[in-house]
């Protein structure tokens, strides 16, 4: 029940997808 309600909630998944890609960007740029 926690899986779709919390861990896979569409809004949090969208935000986490954005954060993940932001982090991949600074990794690619060599900032970290």
ModelCIF file with pLDDT and N, C-alpha, C, O atoms, coordinates in Angstrom:
data_MODEL
#
_entry.id   MODEL 
#
_entity.id                         1 
_entity.type                       polymer 
_entity.pdbx_number_of_molecules   1 
#
_entity_poly.entity_id                      1 
_entity_poly.type                           'polypeptide(L)' 
_entity_poly.nstd_linkage                   no 
_entity_poly.nstd_monomer                   no 
_entity_poly.pdbx_seq_one_letter_code       
;(UNK)(UNK)(UNK)(UNK)(UNK)(UNK)(UNK)(UNK)(UNK)(UNK)(UNK)(UNK)(UNK)(UNK)(UNK)(UNK)
(UNK)(UNK)(UNK)(UNK)(UNK)(UNK)(UNK)(UNK)(UNK)(UNK)(UNK)(UNK)(UNK)(UNK)(UNK)(UNK)
;
_entity_poly.pdbx_seq_one_letter_code_can   XXXXXXXXXXXXXXXXXXXXXXXXXXXXXXXX 
_entity_poly.pdbx_strand_id                 A 
#
loop_
_entity_poly_seq.entity_id 
_entity_poly_seq.num 
_entity_poly_seq.mon_id 
_entity_poly_seq.hetero 
1 1  UNK n 
1 2  UNK n 
1 3  UNK n 
1 4  UNK n 
1 5  UNK n 
1 6  UNK n 
1 7  UNK n 
1 8  UNK n 
1 9  UNK n 
1 10 UNK n 
1 11 UNK n 
1 12 UNK n 
1 13 UNK n 
1 14 UNK n 
1 15 UNK n 
1 16 UNK n 
1 17 UNK n 
1 18 UNK n 
1 19 UNK n 
1 20 UNK n 
1 21 UNK n 
1 22 UNK n 
1 23 UNK n 
1 24 UNK n 
1 25 UNK n 
1 26 UNK n 
1 27 UNK n 
1 28 UNK n 
1 29 UNK n 
1 30 UNK n 
1 31 UNK n 
1 32 UNK n 
#
_struct_asym.id          A 
_struct_asym.entity_id   1 
#
loop_
_ma_qa_metric.id 
_ma_qa_metric.mode 
_ma_qa_metric.name 
_ma_qa_metric.software_group_id 
_ma_qa_metric.type 
1 global pLDDT . pLDDT 
2 local  pLDDT . pLDDT 
#
_ma_qa_metric_global.metric_id      1 
_ma_qa_metric_global.metric_value   96.44 
_ma_qa_metric_global.model_id       1 
_ma_qa_metric_global.ordinal_id     1 
#
loop_
_ma_qa_metric_local.label_asym_id 
_ma_qa_metric_local.label_comp_id 
_ma_qa_metric_local.label_seq_id 
_ma_qa_metric_local.metric_id 
_ma_qa_metric_local.metric_value 
_ma_qa_metric_local.model_id 
_ma_qa_metric_local.ordinal_id 
A UNK 1  2 92.00 1 1  
A UNK 2  2 93.00 1 2  
A UNK 3  2 93.00 1 3  
A UNK 4  2 91.00 1 4  
A UNK 5  2 93.00 1 5  
A UNK 6  2 95.00 1 6  
A UNK 7  2 95.00 1 7  
A UNK 8  2 95.00 1 8  
A UNK 9  2 96.00 1 9  
A UNK 10 2 96.00 1 10 
A UNK 11 2 97.00 1 11 
A UNK 12 2 97.00 1 12 
A UNK 13 2 98.00 1 13 
A UNK 14 2 98.00 1 14 
A UNK 15 2 98.00 1 15 
A UNK 16 2 98.00 1 16 
A UNK 17 2 98.00 1 17 
A UNK 18 2 98.00 1 18 
A UNK 19 2 98.00 1 19 
A UNK 20 2 98.00 1 20 
A UNK 21 2 98.00 1 21 
A UNK 22 2 98.00 1 22 
A UNK 23 2 98.00 1 23 
A UNK 24 2 97.00 1 24 
A UNK 25 2 97.00 1 25 
A UNK 26 2 98.00 1 26 
A UNK 27 2 98.00 1 27 
A UNK 28 2 96.00 1 28 
A UNK 29 2 96.00 1 29 
A UNK 30 2 97.00 1 30 
A UNK 31 2 98.00 1 31 
A UNK 32 2 98.00 1 32 
#
loop_
_atom_site.group_PDB 
_atom_site.id 
_atom_site.type_symbol 
_atom_site.label_atom_id 
_atom_site.label_alt_id 
_atom_site.label_comp_id 
_atom_site.label_asym_id 
_atom_site.label_entity_id 
_atom_site.label_seq_id 
_atom_site.pdbx_PDB_ins_code 
_atom_site.Cartn_x 
_atom_site.Cartn_y 
_atom_site.Cartn_z 
_atom_site.occupancy 
_atom_site.B_iso_or_equiv 
_atom_site.pdbx_formal_charge 
_atom_site.auth_seq_id 
_atom_site.auth_comp_id 
_atom_site.auth_asym_id 
_atom_site.auth_atom_id 
_atom_site.pdbx_PDB_model_num 
ATOM 1   N N  . UNK A 1 1  ? 0.820  -1.215 0.000   1.00 92.00 ? 1  UNK A N  1 
ATOM 2   C CA . UNK A 1 1  ? 0.000  0.000  0.000   1.00 92.00 ? 1  UNK A CA 1 
ATOM 3   C C  . UNK A 1 1  ? 0.852  1.262  0.000   1.00 92.00 ? 1  UNK A C  1 
ATOM 4   O O  . UNK A 1 1  ? 0.458  2.277  -0.574  1.00 92.00 ? 1  UNK A O  1 
ATOM 5   N N  . UNK A 1 2  ? 2.022  1.204  0.642   1.00 93.00 ? 2  UNK A N  1 
ATOM 6   C CA . UNK A 1 2  ? 2.925  2.360  0.654   1.00 93.00 ? 2  UNK A CA 1 
ATOM 7   C C  . UNK A 1 2  ? 3.564  2.570  -0.721  1.00 93.00 ? 2  UNK A C  1 
ATOM 8   O O  . UNK A 1 2  ? 3.947  3.689  -1.062  1.00 93.00 ? 2  UNK A O  1 
ATOM 9   N N  . UNK A 1 3  ? 3.678  1.520  -1.492  1.00 93.00 ? 3  UNK A N  1 
ATOM 10  C CA . UNK A 1 3  ? 4.380  1.580  -2.773  1.00 93.00 ? 3  UNK A CA 1 
ATOM 11  C C  . UNK A 1 3  ? 3.752  2.616  -3.718  1.00 93.00 ? 3  UNK A C  1 
ATOM 12  O O  . UNK A 1 3  ? 4.459  3.536  -4.128  1.00 93.00 ? 3  UNK A O  1 
ATOM 13  N N  . UNK A 1 4  ? 2.473  2.519  -4.083  1.00 91.00 ? 4  UNK A N  1 
ATOM 14  C CA . UNK A 1 4  ? 1.907  3.542  -4.981  1.00 91.00 ? 4  UNK A CA 1 
ATOM 15  C C  . UNK A 1 4  ? 1.562  4.846  -4.276  1.00 91.00 ? 4  UNK A C  1 
ATOM 16  O O  . UNK A 1 4  ? 1.577  5.910  -4.894  1.00 91.00 ? 4  UNK A O  1 
ATOM 17  N N  . UNK A 1 5  ? 1.250  4.769  -2.985  1.00 93.00 ? 5  UNK A N  1 
ATOM 18  C CA . UNK A 1 5  ? 0.772  5.946  -2.264  1.00 93.00 ? 5  UNK A CA 1 
ATOM 19  C C  . UNK A 1 5  ? 1.893  6.898  -1.890  1.00 93.00 ? 5  UNK A C  1 
ATOM 20  O O  . UNK A 1 5  ? 1.718  8.116  -1.936  1.00 93.00 ? 5  UNK A O  1 
ATOM 21  N N  . UNK A 1 6  ? 3.050  6.350  -1.518  1.00 95.00 ? 6  UNK A N  1 
ATOM 22  C CA . UNK A 1 6  ? 4.176  7.171  -1.057  1.00 95.00 ? 6  UNK A CA 1 
ATOM 23  C C  . UNK A 1 6  ? 5.376  7.052  -1.996  1.00 95.00 ? 6  UNK A C  1 
ATOM 24  O O  . UNK A 1 6  ? 5.789  8.038  -2.606  1.00 95.00 ? 6  UNK A O  1 
ATOM 25  N N  . UNK A 1 7  ? 5.932  5.850  -2.110  1.00 95.00 ? 7  UNK A N  1 
ATOM 26  C CA . UNK A 1 7  ? 7.205  5.679  -2.808  1.00 95.00 ? 7  UNK A CA 1 
ATOM 27  C C  . UNK A 1 7  ? 7.120  5.932  -4.312  1.00 95.00 ? 7  UNK A C  1 
ATOM 28  O O  . UNK A 1 7  ? 8.095  6.368  -4.925  1.00 95.00 ? 7  UNK A O  1 
ATOM 29  N N  . UNK A 1 8  ? 5.956  5.658  -4.909  1.00 95.00 ? 8  UNK A N  1 
ATOM 30  C CA . UNK A 1 8  ? 5.796  5.861  -6.355  1.00 95.00 ? 8  UNK A CA 1 
ATOM 31  C C  . UNK A 1 8  ? 4.793  6.980  -6.665  1.00 95.00 ? 8  UNK A C  1 
ATOM 32  O O  . UNK A 1 8  ? 4.241  7.029  -7.764  1.00 95.00 ? 8  UNK A O  1 
ATOM 33  N N  . UNK A 1 9  ? 4.558  7.866  -5.711  1.00 96.00 ? 9  UNK A N  1 
ATOM 34  C CA . UNK A 1 9  ? 3.606  8.961  -5.957  1.00 96.00 ? 9  UNK A CA 1 
ATOM 35  C C  . UNK A 1 9  ? 4.087  9.766  -7.167  1.00 96.00 ? 9  UNK A C  1 
ATOM 36  O O  . UNK A 1 9  ? 5.260  10.135 -7.224  1.00 96.00 ? 9  UNK A O  1 
ATOM 37  N N  . UNK A 1 10 ? 3.207  10.048 -8.138  1.00 96.00 ? 10 UNK A N  1 
ATOM 38  C CA . UNK A 1 10 ? 3.634  10.716 -9.375  1.00 96.00 ? 10 UNK A CA 1 
ATOM 39  C C  . UNK A 1 10 ? 4.360  12.041 -9.157  1.00 96.00 ? 10 UNK A C  1 
ATOM 40  O O  . UNK A 1 10 ? 5.344  12.317 -9.843  1.00 96.00 ? 10 UNK A O  1 
ATOM 41  N N  . UNK A 1 11 ? 3.899  12.863 -8.220  1.00 97.00 ? 11 UNK A N  1 
ATOM 42  C CA . UNK A 1 11 ? 4.521  14.176 -8.026  1.00 97.00 ? 11 UNK A CA 1 
ATOM 43  C C  . UNK A 1 11 ? 5.927  14.044 -7.452  1.00 97.00 ? 11 UNK A C  1 
ATOM 44  O O  . UNK A 1 11 ? 6.851  14.713 -7.914  1.00 97.00 ? 11 UNK A O  1 
ATOM 45  N N  . UNK A 1 12 ? 6.095  13.184 -6.448  1.00 97.00 ? 12 UNK A N  1 
ATOM 46  C CA . UNK A 1 12 ? 7.440  13.016 -5.878  1.00 97.00 ? 12 UNK A CA 1 
ATOM 47  C C  . UNK A 1 12 ? 8.374  12.357 -6.890  1.00 97.00 ? 12 UNK A C  1 
ATOM 48  O O  . UNK A 1 12 ? 9.565  12.664 -6.917  1.00 97.00 ? 12 UNK A O  1 
ATOM 49  N N  . UNK A 1 13 ? 7.853  11.460 -7.718  1.00 98.00 ? 13 UNK A N  1 
ATOM 50  C CA . UNK A 1 13 ? 8.677  10.843 -8.762  1.00 98.00 ? 13 UNK A CA 1 
ATOM 51  C C  . UNK A 1 13 ? 9.143  11.887 -9.780  1.00 98.00 ? 13 UNK A C  1 
ATOM 52  O O  . UNK A 1 13 ? 10.288 11.843 -10.232 1.00 98.00 ? 13 UNK A O  1 
ATOM 53  N N  . UNK A 1 14 ? 8.269  12.818 -10.141 1.00 98.00 ? 14 UNK A N  1 
ATOM 54  C CA . UNK A 1 14 ? 8.645  13.879 -11.078 1.00 98.00 ? 14 UNK A CA 1 
ATOM 55  C C  . UNK A 1 14 ? 9.763  14.729 -10.470 1.00 98.00 ? 14 UNK A C  1 
ATOM 56  O O  . UNK A 1 14 ? 10.779 14.984 -11.117 1.00 98.00 ? 14 UNK A O  1 
ATOM 57  N N  . UNK A 1 15 ? 9.566  15.164 -9.224  1.00 98.00 ? 15 UNK A N  1 
ATOM 58  C CA . UNK A 1 15 ? 10.565 16.006 -8.565  1.00 98.00 ? 15 UNK A CA 1 
ATOM 59  C C  . UNK A 1 15 ? 11.899 15.282 -8.446  1.00 98.00 ? 15 UNK A C  1 
ATOM 60  O O  . UNK A 1 15 ? 12.953 15.879 -8.667  1.00 98.00 ? 15 UNK A O  1 
ATOM 61  N N  . UNK A 1 16 ? 11.859 14.007 -8.099  1.00 98.00 ? 16 UNK A N  1 
ATOM 62  C CA . UNK A 1 16 ? 13.094 13.239 -7.947  1.00 98.00 ? 16 UNK A CA 1 
ATOM 63  C C  . UNK A 1 16 ? 13.774 13.005 -9.294  1.00 98.00 ? 16 UNK A C  1 
ATOM 64  O O  . UNK A 1 16 ? 15.002 12.960 -9.375  1.00 98.00 ? 16 UNK A O  1 
ATOM 65  N N  . UNK A 1 17 ? 12.986 12.859 -10.334 1.00 98.00 ? 17 UNK A N  1 
ATOM 66  C CA . UNK A 1 17 ? 13.542 12.726 -11.679 1.00 98.00 ? 17 UNK A CA 1 
ATOM 67  C C  . UNK A 1 17 ? 14.277 14.012 -12.081 1.00 98.00 ? 17 UNK A C  1 
ATOM 68  O O  . UNK A 1 17 ? 15.347 13.957 -12.686 1.00 98.00 ? 17 UNK A O  1 
ATOM 69  N N  . UNK A 1 18 ? 13.704 15.151 -11.744 1.00 98.00 ? 18 UNK A N  1 
ATOM 70  C CA . UNK A 1 18 ? 14.347 16.440 -12.030 1.00 98.00 ? 18 UNK A CA 1 
ATOM 71  C C  . UNK A 1 18 ? 15.641 16.593 -11.238 1.00 98.00 ? 18 UNK A C  1 
ATOM 72  O O  . UNK A 1 18 ? 16.659 17.021 -11.781 1.00 98.00 ? 18 UNK A O  1 
ATOM 73  N N  . UNK A 1 19 ? 15.600 16.240 -9.950  1.00 98.00 ? 19 UNK A N  1 
ATOM 74  C CA . UNK A 1 19 ? 16.792 16.347 -9.108  1.00 98.00 ? 19 UNK A CA 1 
ATOM 75  C C  . UNK A 1 19 ? 17.894 15.405 -9.598  1.00 98.00 ? 19 UNK A C  1 
ATOM 76  O O  . UNK A 1 19 ? 19.071 15.765 -9.619  1.00 98.00 ? 19 UNK A O  1 
ATOM 77  N N  . UNK A 1 20 ? 17.495 14.203 -9.988  1.00 98.00 ? 20 UNK A N  1 
ATOM 78  C CA . UNK A 1 20 ? 18.464 13.235 -10.501 1.00 98.00 ? 20 UNK A CA 1 
ATOM 79  C C  . UNK A 1 20 ? 19.159 13.792 -11.743 1.00 98.00 ? 20 UNK A C  1 
ATOM 80  O O  . UNK A 1 20 ? 20.381 13.707 -11.859 1.00 98.00 ? 20 UNK A O  1 
ATOM 81  N N  . UNK A 1 21 ? 18.395 14.356 -12.664 1.00 98.00 ? 21 UNK A N  1 
ATOM 82  C CA . UNK A 1 21 ? 18.982 14.883 -13.896 1.00 98.00 ? 21 UNK A CA 1 
ATOM 83  C C  . UNK A 1 21 ? 19.803 16.146 -13.645 1.00 98.00 ? 21 UNK A C  1 
ATOM 84  O O  . UNK A 1 21 ? 20.782 16.397 -14.348 1.00 98.00 ? 21 UNK A O  1 
ATOM 85  N N  . UNK A 1 22 ? 19.413 16.938 -12.655 1.00 98.00 ? 22 UNK A N  1 
ATOM 86  C CA . UNK A 1 22 ? 20.221 18.101 -12.280 1.00 98.00 ? 22 UNK A CA 1 
ATOM 87  C C  . UNK A 1 22 ? 21.579 17.646 -11.755 1.00 98.00 ? 22 UNK A C  1 
ATOM 88  O O  . UNK A 1 22 ? 22.607 18.248 -12.065 1.00 98.00 ? 22 UNK A O  1 
ATOM 89  N N  . UNK A 1 23 ? 21.574 16.577 -10.957 1.00 98.00 ? 23 UNK A N  1 
ATOM 90  C CA . UNK A 1 23 ? 22.815 16.037 -10.402 1.00 98.00 ? 23 UNK A CA 1 
ATOM 91  C C  . UNK A 1 23 ? 23.689 15.411 -11.493 1.00 98.00 ? 23 UNK A C  1 
ATOM 92  O O  . UNK A 1 23 ? 24.910 15.565 -11.492 1.00 98.00 ? 23 UNK A O  1 
ATOM 93  N N  . UNK A 1 24 ? 23.047 14.711 -12.413 1.00 97.00 ? 24 UNK A N  1 
ATOM 94  C CA . UNK A 1 24 ? 23.798 14.143 -13.539 1.00 97.00 ? 24 UNK A CA 1 
ATOM 95  C C  . UNK A 1 24 ? 24.460 15.240 -14.359 1.00 97.00 ? 24 UNK A C  1 
ATOM 96  O O  . UNK A 1 24 ? 25.544 15.042 -14.907 1.00 97.00 ? 24 UNK A O  1 
ATOM 97  N N  . UNK A 1 25 ? 23.808 16.400 -14.444 1.00 97.00 ? 25 UNK A N  1 
ATOM 98  C CA . UNK A 1 25 ? 24.364 17.527 -15.202 1.00 97.00 ? 25 UNK A CA 1 
ATOM 99  C C  . UNK A 1 25 ? 25.662 18.028 -14.562 1.00 97.00 ? 25 UNK A C  1 
ATOM 100 O O  . UNK A 1 25 ? 26.645 18.263 -15.265 1.00 97.00 ? 25 UNK A O  1 
ATOM 101 N N  . UNK A 1 26 ? 25.671 18.195 -13.231 1.00 98.00 ? 26 UNK A N  1 
ATOM 102 C CA . UNK A 1 26 ? 26.893 18.702 -12.593 1.00 98.00 ? 26 UNK A CA 1 
ATOM 103 C C  . UNK A 1 26 ? 27.976 17.624 -12.516 1.00 98.00 ? 26 UNK A C  1 
ATOM 104 O O  . UNK A 1 26 ? 29.163 17.940 -12.437 1.00 98.00 ? 26 UNK A O  1 
ATOM 105 N N  . UNK A 1 27 ? 27.568 16.355 -12.540 1.00 98.00 ? 27 UNK A N  1 
ATOM 106 C CA . UNK A 1 27 ? 28.559 15.279 -12.646 1.00 98.00 ? 27 UNK A CA 1 
ATOM 107 C C  . UNK A 1 27 ? 29.218 15.306 -14.025 1.00 98.00 ? 27 UNK A C  1 
ATOM 108 O O  . UNK A 1 27 ? 30.433 15.158 -14.156 1.00 98.00 ? 27 UNK A O  1 
ATOM 109 N N  . UNK A 1 28 ? 28.391 15.497 -15.041 1.00 96.00 ? 28 UNK A N  1 
ATOM 110 C CA . UNK A 1 28 ? 28.897 15.550 -16.417 1.00 96.00 ? 28 UNK A CA 1 
ATOM 111 C C  . UNK A 1 28 ? 29.825 16.740 -16.623 1.00 96.00 ? 28 UNK A C  1 
ATOM 112 O O  . UNK A 1 28 ? 30.819 16.650 -17.345 1.00 96.00 ? 28 UNK A O  1 
ATOM 113 N N  . UNK A 1 29 ? 29.487 17.861 -15.976 1.00 96.00 ? 29 UNK A N  1 
ATOM 114 C CA . UNK A 1 29 ? 30.298 19.074 -16.106 1.00 96.00 ? 29 UNK A CA 1 
ATOM 115 C C  . UNK A 1 29 ? 31.580 19.009 -15.274 1.00 96.00 ? 29 UNK A C  1 
ATOM 116 O O  . UNK A 1 29 ? 32.443 19.879 -15.391 1.00 96.00 ? 29 UNK A O  1 
ATOM 117 N N  . UNK A 1 30 ? 31.700 17.982 -14.438 1.00 97.00 ? 30 UNK A N  1 
ATOM 118 C CA . UNK A 1 30 ? 32.896 17.836 -13.612 1.00 97.00 ? 30 UNK A CA 1 
ATOM 119 C C  . UNK A 1 30 ? 32.902 18.708 -12.376 1.00 97.00 ? 30 UNK A C  1 
ATOM 120 O O  . UNK A 1 30 ? 33.933 18.848 -11.716 1.00 97.00 ? 30 UNK A O  1 
ATOM 121 N N  . UNK A 1 31 ? 31.750 19.301 -12.052 1.00 98.00 ? 31 UNK A N  1 
ATOM 122 C CA . UNK A 1 31 ? 31.658 20.151 -10.855 1.00 98.00 ? 31 UNK A CA 1 
ATOM 123 C C  . UNK A 1 31 ? 31.817 19.299 -9.595  1.00 98.00 ? 31 UNK A C  1 
ATOM 124 O O  . UNK A 1 31 ? 32.439 19.726 -8.621  1.00 98.00 ? 31 UNK A O  1 
ATOM 125 N N  . UNK A 1 32 ? 31.253 18.098 -9.625  1.00 98.00 ? 32 UNK A N  1 
ATOM 126 C CA . UNK A 1 32 ? 31.447 17.130 -8.537  1.00 98.00 ? 32 UNK A CA 1 
ATOM 127 C C  . UNK A 1 32 ? 31.794 15.779 -9.151  1.00 98.00 ? 32 UNK A C  1 
ATOM 128 O O  . UNK A 1 32 ? 32.002 14.807 -8.425  1.00 98.00 ? 32 UNK A O  1 
#
